[in-house]
Protein backbone atom coordinates (compact mmCIF):
# COMPACT_ATOMS: atom_id res chain seq x y z
CA MET A 1 10.79 -39.60 8.57
CA ASP A 2 8.11 -41.85 10.08
CA ALA A 3 4.38 -41.42 9.39
CA ALA A 4 3.82 -39.59 12.91
CA ASP A 5 6.29 -36.89 12.24
CA GLY A 6 4.83 -35.98 8.68
CA ASP A 7 1.29 -36.21 10.65
CA ASP A 8 2.76 -33.90 13.11
CA GLU A 9 4.04 -31.67 10.25
CA GLN A 10 0.76 -31.51 8.73
CA LEU A 11 -0.88 -30.47 11.89
CA LEU A 12 1.83 -27.78 12.89
CA ALA A 13 1.39 -26.23 9.07
CA ARG A 14 -2.03 -26.21 9.51
CA ASP A 15 -2.00 -24.43 13.12
CA MET A 16 0.47 -22.13 11.89
CA ILE A 17 -1.66 -21.11 8.95
CA ALA A 18 -4.82 -20.65 11.33
CA VAL A 19 -2.84 -18.23 13.55
CA HIS A 20 -0.49 -16.39 11.13
CA GLY A 21 -2.38 -16.79 8.18
CA ALA A 22 -0.64 -15.38 5.10
CA GLU A 23 2.35 -14.92 7.00
CA ALA A 24 2.71 -18.35 8.17
CA ALA A 25 5.54 -19.06 5.59
CA ILE A 26 7.64 -16.16 6.87
CA VAL A 27 7.23 -17.58 10.44
CA ALA A 28 8.46 -20.96 9.38
CA ARG A 29 11.30 -19.66 7.23
CA ASP A 30 12.36 -17.68 10.40
CA ASN A 31 12.17 -20.92 12.30
CA VAL A 32 14.46 -22.53 9.57
CA ARG A 33 16.88 -19.78 9.84
CA GLY A 34 17.13 -19.80 13.69
CA ALA A 35 17.81 -23.56 13.60
CA ALA A 36 20.13 -23.38 11.07
CA LEU A 37 22.08 -20.59 12.75
CA ALA A 38 21.99 -22.37 15.95
CA GLY A 39 23.40 -25.80 14.31
CA GLN A 40 20.17 -27.40 14.89
CA ARG A 41 20.04 -29.54 11.83
CA PRO A 42 17.33 -31.81 12.61
CA GLU A 43 15.01 -28.87 13.60
CA ALA A 44 16.05 -26.97 10.71
CA ARG A 45 14.90 -30.00 8.43
CA HIS A 46 11.75 -30.31 10.26
CA TRP A 47 10.72 -26.49 9.75
CA ILE A 48 11.75 -26.99 6.07
CA ARG A 49 9.33 -29.80 5.74
CA VAL A 50 6.76 -27.74 7.51
CA LEU A 51 7.63 -24.71 5.28
CA GLU A 52 6.98 -26.93 2.15
CA ILE A 53 3.69 -27.87 3.50
CA ILE A 54 2.47 -24.43 4.08
CA GLN A 55 3.71 -23.24 0.93
CA ARG A 56 1.82 -25.87 -1.08
CA ARG A 57 -1.45 -25.24 0.93
CA GLN A 58 -1.01 -21.39 -0.01
CA ALA A 59 -0.57 -22.12 -3.67
CA ASP A 60 -3.67 -24.58 -3.92
CA LYS A 61 -5.61 -21.87 -2.07
CA GLU A 62 -4.51 -19.26 -4.60
CA ILE A 63 -5.39 -21.54 -7.44
CA SER A 64 -8.87 -22.39 -6.06
CA ILE A 65 -9.75 -18.74 -5.56
CA PRO A 66 -12.48 -18.12 -8.27
CA ARG A 67 -11.76 -15.05 -10.47
CA PRO A 68 -14.60 -12.68 -11.44
CA ILE A 69 -15.72 -13.17 -14.99
CA GLU A 70 -14.86 -9.72 -16.93
CA GLY A 71 -16.75 -8.53 -19.52
């Protein structure tokens, strides 16, 4: 994978989160499955990388949400 591909995947992941919100990972996972079932191995790998980026961003977002102080 060259740097341009990685940048494209970062942009795609960002755009998918902007459009699909919390369901972006589901959409990406469906795209992985569709490419794999169609025998499109390079496309499936591309979508796996996009899915990983989306999942990392969503996990980072969950971690950074301040929790209310109980007491």
